[in-house]
Every structure is written in C-alpha cells, then in structure tokens.
Amino acid sequence: MVQTKFLTKQGESAIAVANLLVEFEKGARLPNISDLCTKLGVGAGTVQMALKMLEDSGEITLQSHGHQGTIITDINRVGLWKLAGNDWISCTMPLPYTKRFEGLATALYKQFERAAVPFNISFVRGGAIRIKRLVDAKNNFVICSRMAAELAKKEFPKLEILFDFGENSYIGKSGLVFSDENETRIRDGMKIAVDKHSYDHPNIIHTVCKDNDVELVEIKYSEIFAKLESGEVNATIWNWDELIEKYNRKVHTIEQTPQMREIIHESEKAVLVVMGKNAKYRMLLRDIIDCESVKRIQKEVIDGKTMPSY
C-alpha cells in the first residue's frame, strides 16, 4: 500500500519519478532536473521535493558530483516498483505435470513472495505458444528449455535469456518410446510423432531420425501418448520424468552422438526469457530472483523435502 505521505501533489510526482527510476542501475547518473521537469510536466521545486521524498523513504540514495551530475549510489528497485503502483508480474511456463516443473513453479512463487511483489503463473504446454505470449506482451517472462529459447531467438531476435537454471532443471532426461514395446530403435517406414507447438521437440526428432526414411506426424504433445497406444504413430521422444511419474512404459536411451549430446543437453536446462527491449522488467527480475535459491527449492520439491506450492 502506498504510504499516506505519497497521496499528495508532491507524492504523485514522487511516484512518477519512482516509475522512471525503476530502469536505472546503481551508479547511474540521475537525469538533470530540467529533463525530469519536462518528462513530468511539473516545476523544478516539485521534482526536487519528489526526489527528497524518495530518499527519505529509503528507495534511493543520491550523491552530488558537481559538474558531473548526481549519481544514484543505491536503489531499491522493488520498493520503487511497488511505490509506483505497477501491475502484477506474470509468467507462463509448462504445465506442472512433473515434480521438476512443480519445483520450478514453487521456487518462482517463493521468490516473489519474499519480495512481496504480486505474481501469477499461466501454465501453457508448448514452447512456441509460450514464446508467442511473451512477444505479444501477454506475459512479462516465460520459462522454456534453453534449446527452445535459442531457436526462438532466430525468429524473434529481441528475446533475451535472463536466467539459466542449469543442468536438468527443465527435464531430467529424454528417451525414445515406441508403440510396440519390443522395438528398441528407429527404423525406416516408421511414423514418428512430433509436437507441433514445440521448438525443441522437432529439432531433437529431426536429429535422431536423420539417417532413417520415416514419416513425421505433427501432433499436439498432449495427444502423443494416446496415438502411441493406438498404434497411429510408432515412436517419439518423450520426457523421461513424465514416463516414470505417469506412465508404465519402457523407455530407451537415445544414442549419444556428439551432436545429440549437445542438443539433449540444451533441452534439459530451464531458462527464463524476457523481451530484451523492456529494461524495466529485466532489471526488476534480476533484483527479485536468486538463481541459486530457485535451484535449491526445485531440488527440495523433487526430493520430497518441500511441498509444492504454486
């Protein structure tokens, strides 16, 4: 809640200044008073009072350097964000159908709870759909695999990977699964299911099947297992976590050629992606999210030491 002292004319200007300063780094030079007056449409005295109010409340610390200007020596970006009355931060990530994803969702919520910043997650299956939501400004950030992010950046160059949560933070392992459980490898003539809403799934499938004459069948990821059961498709690549936790199916290790190792490695890492042009959200998220804390909480959920909460 905005403090009572900010519910005044000077307070309104202080809030407007707070909204501008969210994008500034510690050590940056404060815009000169005349520029702030122009942006806010108020007089110099009002701007100076607004800055003093922000200093007195502990949101910023300023130090004059004479002709070099005034330097922001300390900044409470989260405090400025809340003071400016900004909206919720929103994220979209995969459905929490494994403990790994439950752990990631739990960890993210705990980060925002600690900062007391309103936050919500939309759960959407399909990396391409999640990226499109970010590009269309429907969410402030998305969670996807590192491979999906790198492929998406070729289509949307302004995407930026803000955090990489490291080894096996997205999936534990990928494996081959077949309609006929007696099969152990891809053969010519097989129909291979491909998730049409994914960036990385088709990339992995193409690499695995590059030496075979197969038919690629585009299907929603949620439909793949039913198509395997019915025999409409012969094989696909599947998230090992989901196979272990939800389905009683035999799964086979993918042949680890050097190229395949690199691709699989990148598909197993979870990353947080933002639109690089939006400095406000990029910098705010850096102040709210501690990458090591996220990894620790995710592991605690996977190990059963922390209850999922999201």
Protein backbone atom coordinates (compact mmCIF):
# COMPACT_ATOMS: atom_id res chain seq x y z
CA MET A 1 0.00 0.00 0.00
CA VAL A 2 1.25 3.50 -0.87
CA GLN A 3 2.28 5.46 2.22
CA THR A 4 -0.04 8.35 3.16
CA LYS A 5 2.66 10.95 2.54
CA PHE A 6 2.69 9.97 -1.13
CA LEU A 7 -1.04 10.69 -1.50
CA THR A 8 -0.32 14.38 -2.10
CA LYS A 9 0.58 16.51 -5.12
CA GLN A 10 4.29 16.15 -4.32
CA GLY A 11 3.67 12.47 -3.64
CA GLU A 12 2.18 12.00 -7.10
CA SER A 13 5.34 13.45 -8.59
CA ALA A 14 7.46 11.20 -6.37
CA ILE A 15 5.54 8.19 -7.67
CA ALA A 16 6.09 9.34 -11.26
CA VAL A 17 9.83 9.73 -10.57
CA ALA A 18 9.87 6.27 -8.95
CA ASN A 19 8.40 4.80 -12.13
CA LEU A 20 11.17 6.41 -14.18
CA LEU A 21 13.98 5.33 -11.86
CA VAL A 22 13.00 1.63 -11.88
CA GLU A 23 15.02 1.35 -15.10
CA PHE A 24 18.19 2.90 -13.64
CA GLU A 25 21.22 0.97 -12.42
CA LYS A 26 23.04 1.63 -9.18
CA GLY A 27 25.88 4.01 -10.09
CA ALA A 28 23.96 5.62 -12.95
CA ARG A 29 23.74 9.36 -13.31
CA LEU A 30 20.38 10.88 -12.43
CA PRO A 31 18.75 12.85 -15.28
CA ASN A 32 19.12 16.56 -14.72
CA ILE A 33 16.26 18.41 -13.07
CA SER A 34 15.19 20.21 -16.26
CA ASP A 35 14.82 16.90 -18.13
CA LEU A 36 12.74 15.46 -15.28
CA CYS A 37 10.59 18.61 -15.27
CA THR A 38 9.93 18.20 -18.99
CA LYS A 39 9.05 14.49 -18.68
CA LEU A 40 6.74 15.01 -15.70
CA GLY A 41 5.27 18.38 -16.67
CA VAL A 42 6.00 19.94 -13.27
CA GLY A 43 8.32 22.60 -11.86
CA ALA A 44 11.85 22.19 -10.53
CA GLY A 45 10.76 22.60 -6.91
CA THR A 46 8.25 19.76 -7.25
CA VAL A 47 10.87 17.44 -8.78
CA GLN A 48 13.38 18.25 -6.03
CA MET A 49 10.74 17.57 -3.37
CA ALA A 50 9.84 14.26 -5.09
CA LEU A 51 13.48 13.15 -5.06
CA LYS A 52 13.82 14.10 -1.39
CA MET A 53 10.71 12.05 -0.56
CA LEU A 54 12.20 9.02 -2.31
CA GLU A 55 15.49 9.50 -0.47
CA ASP A 56 13.77 9.92 2.90
CA SER A 57 11.75 6.73 2.35
CA GLY A 58 14.94 4.79 1.56
CA GLU A 59 14.13 3.96 -2.06
CA ILE A 60 17.18 5.79 -3.46
CA THR A 61 20.42 7.31 -2.24
CA LEU A 62 21.84 10.21 -4.24
CA GLN A 63 25.26 11.84 -4.20
CA SER A 64 26.17 15.06 -5.94
CA HIS A 65 29.33 15.06 -8.06
CA GLY A 66 29.35 18.72 -9.02
CA HIS A 67 29.52 19.32 -12.76
CA GLN A 68 29.43 15.53 -13.34
CA GLY A 69 25.87 15.47 -12.06
CA THR A 70 24.10 13.46 -9.37
CA ILE A 71 24.83 9.75 -9.02
CA ILE A 72 22.39 7.11 -7.79
CA THR A 73 24.61 5.38 -5.23
CA ASP A 74 21.90 2.98 -4.03
CA ILE A 75 18.50 1.94 -5.36
CA ASN A 76 15.68 -0.21 -4.00
CA ARG A 77 14.16 -1.18 -7.33
CA VAL A 78 11.50 -3.42 -5.81
CA GLY A 79 10.47 -0.61 -3.47
CA LEU A 80 10.25 1.85 -6.37
CA TRP A 81 8.21 -0.67 -8.37
CA LYS A 82 5.67 -1.15 -5.57
CA LEU A 83 5.54 2.56 -4.79
CA ALA A 84 4.77 3.35 -8.45
CA GLY A 85 1.72 1.07 -8.28
CA ASN A 86 2.75 -1.20 -11.13
CA ASP A 87 0.69 -4.24 -12.11
CA TRP A 88 1.34 -7.87 -11.29
CA ILE A 89 4.31 -9.67 -12.80
CA SER A 90 3.10 -12.55 -14.93
CA CYS A 91 4.86 -15.64 -16.24
CA THR A 92 3.92 -18.58 -18.43
CA MET A 93 5.60 -21.97 -18.01
CA PRO A 94 4.89 -25.63 -18.84
CA LEU A 95 2.08 -27.46 -17.10
CA PRO A 96 3.29 -28.75 -13.71
CA TYR A 97 2.91 -32.40 -14.74
CA THR A 98 6.23 -33.48 -13.18
CA LYS A 99 7.85 -32.81 -9.82
CA ARG A 100 10.58 -30.93 -11.66
CA PHE A 101 8.08 -28.41 -13.03
CA GLU A 102 6.22 -28.29 -9.71
CA GLY A 103 9.52 -27.47 -8.06
CA LEU A 104 10.23 -24.69 -10.54
CA ALA A 105 6.77 -23.16 -10.08
CA THR A 106 7.11 -23.37 -6.30
CA ALA A 107 10.55 -21.74 -6.40
CA LEU A 108 9.35 -18.85 -8.56
CA TYR A 109 6.37 -18.14 -6.30
CA LYS A 110 8.63 -18.14 -3.24
CA GLN A 111 10.94 -15.57 -4.88
CA PHE A 112 8.07 -13.15 -5.44
CA GLU A 113 6.54 -13.82 -2.03
CA ARG A 114 9.87 -12.91 -0.43
CA ALA A 115 9.92 -9.64 -2.39
CA ALA A 116 6.20 -9.04 -1.69
CA VAL A 117 5.59 -8.38 -5.40
CA PRO A 118 2.24 -9.62 -6.83
CA PHE A 119 2.86 -12.55 -9.18
CA ASN A 120 0.95 -15.15 -11.17
CA ILE A 121 1.78 -18.06 -13.47
CA SER A 122 -0.16 -19.23 -16.51
CA PHE A 123 0.51 -22.88 -17.30
CA VAL A 124 0.70 -23.48 -21.06
CA ARG A 125 2.02 -26.56 -22.84
CA GLY A 126 4.10 -25.80 -25.93
CA GLY A 127 7.22 -23.65 -26.01
CA ALA A 128 6.21 -21.91 -29.24
CA ILE A 129 2.89 -20.84 -27.70
CA ARG A 130 4.60 -19.54 -24.56
CA ILE A 131 7.15 -17.54 -26.56
CA LYS A 132 4.37 -16.04 -28.68
CA ARG A 133 2.58 -14.91 -25.50
CA LEU A 134 5.76 -13.11 -24.44
CA VAL A 135 6.24 -11.49 -27.84
CA ASP A 136 2.59 -10.36 -27.80
CA ALA A 137 3.15 -8.79 -24.32
CA LYS A 138 0.65 -11.12 -22.62
CA ASN A 139 3.30 -12.14 -20.09
CA ASN A 140 6.39 -10.48 -18.64
CA PHE A 141 8.55 -13.58 -18.87
CA VAL A 142 8.38 -17.24 -19.89
CA ILE A 143 10.04 -20.47 -18.82
CA CYS A 144 11.20 -22.86 -21.54
CA SER A 145 14.17 -25.06 -22.37
CA ARG A 146 17.43 -23.42 -23.37
CA MET A 147 17.19 -25.07 -26.78
CA ALA A 148 13.70 -23.67 -27.34
CA ALA A 149 14.91 -20.19 -26.36
CA GLU A 150 17.89 -20.30 -28.72
CA LEU A 151 15.70 -21.48 -31.62
CA ALA A 152 13.04 -18.85 -30.82
CA LYS A 153 15.69 -16.09 -30.86
CA LYS A 154 16.26 -16.82 -34.55
CA GLU A 155 12.63 -15.90 -35.14
CA PHE A 156 12.41 -13.14 -32.51
CA PRO A 157 15.89 -11.56 -32.13
CA LYS A 158 14.81 -9.28 -29.25
CA LEU A 159 14.32 -12.23 -26.91
CA GLU A 160 16.85 -12.42 -24.09
CA ILE A 161 17.74 -15.30 -21.78
CA LEU A 162 17.86 -13.67 -18.34
CA PHE A 163 18.49 -16.76 -16.18
CA ASP A 164 19.72 -20.27 -16.93
CA PHE A 165 18.74 -22.58 -14.06
CA GLY A 166 21.30 -25.20 -15.02
CA GLU A 167 21.60 -28.93 -15.53
CA ASN A 168 18.35 -30.93 -15.55
CA SER A 169 16.25 -28.01 -14.34
CA TYR A 170 13.78 -28.46 -17.25
CA ILE A 171 13.73 -32.23 -17.70
CA GLY A 172 15.80 -34.99 -16.16
CA LYS A 173 16.29 -36.97 -19.35
CA SER A 174 14.78 -37.60 -22.78
CA GLY A 175 14.17 -41.07 -24.15
CA LEU A 176 12.72 -42.99 -27.09
CA VAL A 177 9.34 -44.62 -26.55
CA PHE A 178 7.64 -46.98 -29.02
CA SER A 179 4.10 -48.15 -29.72
CA ASP A 180 5.50 -51.69 -29.92
CA GLU A 181 7.46 -52.20 -26.70
CA ASN A 182 9.62 -54.83 -28.40
CA GLU A 183 11.16 -52.11 -30.59
CA THR A 184 14.43 -50.55 -29.46
CA ARG A 185 15.43 -48.24 -32.32
CA ILE A 186 14.03 -46.07 -35.11
CA ARG A 187 13.50 -47.97 -38.37
CA ASP A 188 12.70 -46.94 -41.95
CA GLY A 189 8.97 -46.64 -42.61
CA MET A 190 8.03 -45.67 -39.05
CA LYS A 191 5.61 -42.85 -38.25
CA ILE A 192 7.26 -40.54 -35.73
CA ALA A 193 5.13 -38.18 -33.60
CA VAL A 194 6.31 -34.55 -33.45
CA ASP A 195 4.91 -31.89 -31.11
CA LYS A 196 3.80 -29.12 -33.47
CA HIS A 197 3.76 -26.48 -30.71
CA SER A 198 7.37 -27.05 -29.64
CA TYR A 199 10.69 -25.60 -30.75
CA ASP A 200 12.98 -28.26 -29.35
CA HIS A 201 10.93 -31.45 -29.86
CA PRO A 202 11.03 -31.27 -33.69
CA ASN A 203 14.73 -30.38 -33.55
CA ILE A 204 15.53 -33.48 -31.46
CA ILE A 205 13.31 -35.70 -33.64
CA HIS A 206 14.95 -34.49 -36.86
CA THR A 207 18.41 -35.18 -35.44
CA VAL A 208 17.51 -38.64 -34.12
CA CYS A 209 15.82 -39.66 -37.40
CA LYS A 210 18.22 -38.02 -39.87
CA ASP A 211 19.55 -41.36 -41.16
CA ASN A 212 16.15 -43.02 -41.46
CA ASP A 213 13.34 -42.79 -44.03
CA VAL A 214 10.43 -42.01 -41.67
CA GLU A 215 7.17 -40.08 -41.77
CA LEU A 216 6.94 -37.20 -39.31
CA VAL A 217 3.41 -36.76 -37.94
CA GLU A 218 2.63 -33.40 -36.33
CA ILE A 219 0.54 -33.89 -33.18
CA LYS A 220 -0.14 -31.92 -30.00
CA TYR A 221 2.16 -33.16 -27.24
CA SER A 222 -0.88 -33.97 -25.07
CA GLU A 223 -2.17 -36.35 -27.76
CA ILE A 224 1.07 -38.20 -28.46
CA PHE A 225 0.74 -40.90 -25.83
CA ALA A 226 -2.82 -41.81 -26.95
CA LYS A 227 -1.59 -42.05 -30.56
CA LEU A 228 1.23 -44.34 -29.45
CA GLU A 229 -1.20 -46.55 -27.53
CA SER A 230 -3.50 -46.84 -30.55
CA GLY A 231 -0.60 -47.54 -32.92
CA GLU A 232 -1.34 -44.48 -35.09
CA VAL A 233 2.31 -43.49 -34.62
CA ASN A 234 5.24 -45.82 -33.99
CA ALA A 235 7.59 -43.76 -31.85
CA THR A 236 8.57 -40.41 -30.40
CA ILE A 237 10.95 -38.72 -27.97
CA TRP A 238 9.43 -38.35 -24.52
CA ASN A 239 10.20 -36.61 -21.24
CA TRP A 240 11.62 -39.37 -19.03
CA ASP A 241 10.24 -37.68 -15.88
CA GLU A 242 6.69 -37.95 -17.21
CA LEU A 243 7.15 -41.56 -18.29
CA ILE A 244 8.34 -42.50 -14.81
CA GLU A 245 5.75 -40.49 -12.89
CA LYS A 246 2.63 -41.03 -15.04
CA TYR A 247 3.04 -43.96 -17.46
CA ASN A 248 4.19 -47.53 -17.08
CA ARG A 249 6.15 -47.62 -20.35
CA LYS A 250 9.53 -48.93 -21.35
CA VAL A 251 11.83 -46.11 -22.43
CA HIS A 252 15.07 -46.34 -24.38
CA THR A 253 18.15 -44.14 -24.19
CA ILE A 254 18.85 -42.01 -27.23
CA GLU A 255 22.13 -42.77 -28.99
CA GLN A 256 24.57 -40.17 -27.67
CA THR A 257 26.48 -38.94 -30.70
CA PRO A 258 28.39 -35.67 -30.07
CA GLN A 259 25.66 -33.69 -31.89
CA MET A 260 22.91 -35.47 -30.00
CA ARG A 261 24.61 -34.91 -26.64
CA GLU A 262 24.75 -31.17 -27.25
CA ILE A 263 21.11 -30.98 -28.34
CA ILE A 264 19.81 -33.08 -25.47
CA HIS A 265 21.94 -31.11 -23.01
CA GLU A 266 20.35 -27.83 -24.13
CA SER A 267 16.84 -29.30 -23.97
CA GLU A 268 17.30 -30.31 -20.31
CA LYS A 269 18.02 -26.78 -18.99
CA ALA A 270 15.24 -24.41 -17.91
CA VAL A 271 15.73 -20.74 -18.78
CA LEU A 272 13.83 -17.56 -18.01
CA VAL A 273 13.25 -15.47 -21.14
CA VAL A 274 12.22 -11.80 -21.43
CA MET A 275 11.90 -9.28 -24.22
CA GLY A 276 15.28 -7.55 -24.14
CA LYS A 277 13.78 -4.20 -25.11
CA ASN A 278 11.91 -3.98 -21.79
CA ALA A 279 14.59 -2.80 -19.38
CA LYS A 280 12.14 -2.24 -16.52
CA TYR A 281 11.10 -5.89 -16.21
CA ARG A 282 14.56 -7.24 -17.00
CA MET A 283 16.18 -5.26 -14.20
CA LEU A 284 13.36 -5.84 -11.72
CA LEU A 285 13.53 -9.62 -12.23
CA ARG A 286 17.29 -9.57 -11.61
CA ASP A 287 16.61 -7.96 -8.22
CA ILE A 288 13.80 -10.37 -7.29
CA ILE A 289 15.04 -13.77 -8.49
CA ASP A 290 18.02 -15.53 -7.00
CA CYS A 291 19.04 -18.31 -9.38
CA GLU A 292 20.73 -20.47 -6.73
CA SER A 293 17.69 -20.24 -4.47
CA VAL A 294 15.43 -21.35 -7.33
CA LYS A 295 17.62 -24.40 -7.99
CA ARG A 296 17.71 -25.29 -4.29
CA ILE A 297 13.93 -25.08 -3.84
CA GLN A 298 13.30 -27.05 -7.03
CA LYS A 299 15.56 -29.84 -5.79
CA GLU A 300 13.83 -29.87 -2.39
CA VAL A 301 10.46 -30.39 -4.12
CA ILE A 302 11.87 -33.15 -6.37
CA ASP A 303 13.40 -34.86 -3.31
CA GLY A 304 10.14 -34.59 -1.35
CA LYS A 305 11.62 -32.27 1.29
CA THR A 306 9.35 -29.33 0.37
CA MET A 307 5.67 -29.50 -0.51
CA PRO A 308 4.80 -27.98 -3.91
CA SER A 309 3.00 -24.66 -3.54
CA TYR A 310 2.01 -22.60 -6.55
